[in-house]
């Protein structure tokens, strides 16, 4: 970033370079390329490829089990039990 475009102290940029995204995830750039880059698409701005912190957070949340992946409605109905027929009787 040019000197005039410095973020205020304590503010994290929303988009990160490959190296910064790897560091943000706590891995090397090589590990990032092997395991994360195929799953989290970069944002392309001109010739630059940058990774969105929110997309990285979302991927990490899924991997750590903090959020469940989407499941078909039929799976939820089966797990909860379909009592619609019983309520009409």
C-alpha atoms as a PDB file:
ATOM      1  CA  UNK A   1       0.000   0.000   0.000  1.00  0.00           C
ATOM      2  CA  UNK A   2       1.286   3.506  -0.703  1.00  0.00           C
ATOM      3  CA  UNK A   3       2.186   5.536   2.394  1.00  0.00           C
ATOM      4  CA  UNK A   4      -0.944   7.707   2.123  1.00  0.00           C
ATOM      5  CA  UNK A   5      -3.194   4.639   2.269  1.00  0.00           C
ATOM      6  CA  UNK A   6      -2.155   3.311   5.673  1.00  0.00           C
ATOM      7  CA  UNK A   7      -4.939   1.809   7.784  1.00  0.00           C
ATOM      8  CA  UNK A   8      -5.511   3.219  11.253  1.00  0.00           C
ATOM      9  CA  UNK A   9      -3.566   1.429  13.995  1.00  0.00           C
ATOM     10  CA  UNK A  10      -5.277  -1.779  15.104  1.00  0.00           C
ATOM     11  CA  UNK A  11      -7.399  -2.110  11.969  1.00  0.00           C
ATOM     12  CA  UNK A  12      -6.963  -5.321   9.981  1.00  0.00           C
ATOM     13  CA  UNK A  13      -7.344  -5.100   6.208  1.00  0.00           C
ATOM     14  CA  UNK A  14     -10.343  -7.020   4.847  1.00  0.00           C
ATOM     15  CA  UNK A  15      -8.351  -8.505   1.962  1.00  0.00           C
ATOM     16  CA  UNK A  16      -5.046 -10.281   2.495  1.00  0.00           C
ATOM     17  CA  UNK A  17      -2.215 -11.340   0.217  1.00  0.00           C
ATOM     18  CA  UNK A  18      -1.431 -15.056  -0.065  1.00  0.00           C
ATOM     19  CA  UNK A  19       1.357 -14.795   2.503  1.00  0.00           C
ATOM     20  CA  UNK A  20      -0.759 -12.735   4.920  1.00  0.00           C
ATOM     21  CA  UNK A  21      -3.752 -15.080   4.456  1.00  0.00           C
ATOM     22  CA  UNK A  22      -1.522 -18.059   5.260  1.00  0.00           C
ATOM     23  CA  UNK A  23      -0.197 -16.325   8.370  1.00  0.00           C
ATOM     24  CA  UNK A  24      -3.769 -15.363   9.367  1.00  0.00           C
ATOM     25  CA  UNK A  25      -4.707 -19.064   9.195  1.00  0.00           C
ATOM     26  CA  UNK A  26      -1.574 -20.038  11.111  1.00  0.00           C
ATOM     27  CA  UNK A  27       0.022 -22.055   8.319  1.00  0.00           C
ATOM     28  CA  UNK A  28       2.867 -21.712   5.847  1.00  0.00           C
ATOM     29  CA  UNK A  29       2.238 -20.413   2.340  1.00  0.00           C
ATOM     30  CA  UNK A  30       2.846 -23.927   0.983  1.00  0.00           C
ATOM     31  CA  UNK A  31       0.276 -25.443   3.350  1.00  0.00           C
ATOM     32  CA  UNK A  32      -2.134 -22.634   2.439  1.00  0.00           C
ATOM     33  CA  UNK A  33      -1.700 -23.487  -1.267  1.00  0.00           C
ATOM     34  CA  UNK A  34      -2.290 -27.191  -0.645  1.00  0.00           C
ATOM     35  CA  UNK A  35      -5.218 -27.101   1.766  1.00  0.00           C
ATOM     36  CA  UNK A  36      -6.947 -23.721   1.868  1.00  0.00           C
ATOM     37  CA  UNK A  37      -6.464 -22.087  -1.518  1.00  0.00           C
ATOM     38  CA  UNK A  38      -8.450 -24.820  -3.342  1.00  0.00           C
ATOM     39  CA  UNK A  39     -11.395 -24.255  -0.957  1.00  0.00           C
ATOM     40  CA  UNK A  40     -11.425 -20.458  -0.567  1.00  0.00           C
ATOM     41  CA  UNK A  41     -11.491 -18.456  -3.780  1.00  0.00           C
ATOM     42  CA  UNK A  42      -9.521 -15.222  -3.929  1.00  0.00           C
ATOM     43  CA  UNK A  43     -10.971 -11.856  -4.832  1.00  0.00           C
ATOM     44  CA  UNK A  44      -9.317 -10.635  -8.012  1.00  0.00           C
ATOM     45  CA  UNK A  45      -8.637  -6.926  -8.274  1.00  0.00           C
ATOM     46  CA  UNK A  46      -6.686  -6.156 -11.401  1.00  0.00           C
ATOM     47  CA  UNK A  47      -3.768  -8.569 -11.476  1.00  0.00           C
ATOM     48  CA  UNK A  48      -3.848  -9.091  -7.701  1.00  0.00           C
ATOM     49  CA  UNK A  49      -5.408 -12.059  -5.942  1.00  0.00           C
ATOM     50  CA  UNK A  50      -6.445 -11.347  -2.378  1.00  0.00           C
ATOM     51  CA  UNK A  51      -8.250 -13.444   0.226  1.00  0.00           C
ATOM     52  CA  UNK A  52     -11.225 -12.077   2.141  1.00  0.00           C
ATOM     53  CA  UNK A  53     -10.839 -12.423   5.921  1.00  0.00           C
ATOM     54  CA  UNK A  54     -14.562 -13.212   6.233  1.00  0.00           C
ATOM     55  CA  UNK A  55     -14.308 -16.050   3.671  1.00  0.00           C
ATOM     56  CA  UNK A  56     -11.290 -17.444   5.529  1.00  0.00           C
ATOM     57  CA  UNK A  57     -13.175 -17.184   8.829  1.00  0.00           C
ATOM     58  CA  UNK A  58     -16.178 -18.983   7.340  1.00  0.00           C
ATOM     59  CA  UNK A  59     -14.014 -21.822   6.005  1.00  0.00           C
ATOM     60  CA  UNK A  60     -12.204 -22.121   9.339  1.00  0.00           C
ATOM     61  CA  UNK A  61     -15.527 -22.105  11.238  1.00  0.00           C
ATOM     62  CA  UNK A  62     -16.785 -24.974   9.062  1.00  0.00           C
ATOM     63  CA  UNK A  63     -13.569 -26.960   9.511  1.00  0.00           C
ATOM     64  CA  UNK A  64     -13.589 -26.513  13.288  1.00  0.00           C
ATOM     65  CA  UNK A  65     -17.254 -27.510  13.584  1.00  0.00           C
ATOM     66  CA  UNK A  66     -18.461 -24.108  14.776  1.00  0.00           C
ATOM     67  CA  UNK A  67     -21.039 -24.035  11.986  1.00  0.00           C
ATOM     68  CA  UNK A  68     -22.714 -26.937  10.243  1.00  0.00           C
ATOM     69  CA  UNK A  69     -22.745 -27.270   6.499  1.00  0.00           C
ATOM     70  CA  UNK A  70     -26.104 -27.000   4.761  1.00  0.00           C
ATOM     71  CA  UNK A  71     -28.172 -30.171   4.818  1.00  0.00           C
ATOM     72  CA  UNK A  72     -31.203 -31.006   2.683  1.00  0.00           C
ATOM     73  CA  UNK A  73     -34.582 -30.335   4.342  1.00  0.00           C
ATOM     74  CA  UNK A  74     -35.426 -34.031   4.075  1.00  0.00           C
ATOM     75  CA  UNK A  75     -32.500 -34.842   6.391  1.00  0.00           C
ATOM     76  CA  UNK A  76     -33.808 -32.436   9.036  1.00  0.00           C
ATOM     77  CA  UNK A  77     -37.365 -33.761   8.771  1.00  0.00           C
ATOM     78  CA  UNK A  78     -36.080 -37.310   9.164  1.00  0.00           C
ATOM     79  CA  UNK A  79     -33.984 -36.368  12.207  1.00  0.00           C
ATOM     80  CA  UNK A  80     -36.848 -34.466  13.847  1.00  0.00           C
ATOM     81  CA  UNK A  81     -39.506 -37.002  12.912  1.00  0.00           C
ATOM     82  CA  UNK A  82     -42.285 -36.178  10.493  1.00  0.00           C
ATOM     83  CA  UNK A  83     -45.338 -35.856  12.740  1.00  0.00           C
ATOM     84  CA  UNK A  84     -47.495 -33.938  10.225  1.00  0.00           C
ATOM     85  CA  UNK A  85     -49.666 -37.012   9.643  1.00  0.00           C
ATOM     86  CA  UNK A  86     -50.212 -37.518  13.378  1.00  0.00           C
ATOM     87  CA  UNK A  87     -51.329 -33.931  13.949  1.00  0.00           C
ATOM     88  CA  UNK A  88     -54.211 -34.323  11.449  1.00  0.00           C
ATOM     89  CA  UNK A  89     -55.718 -37.319  13.209  1.00  0.00           C
END
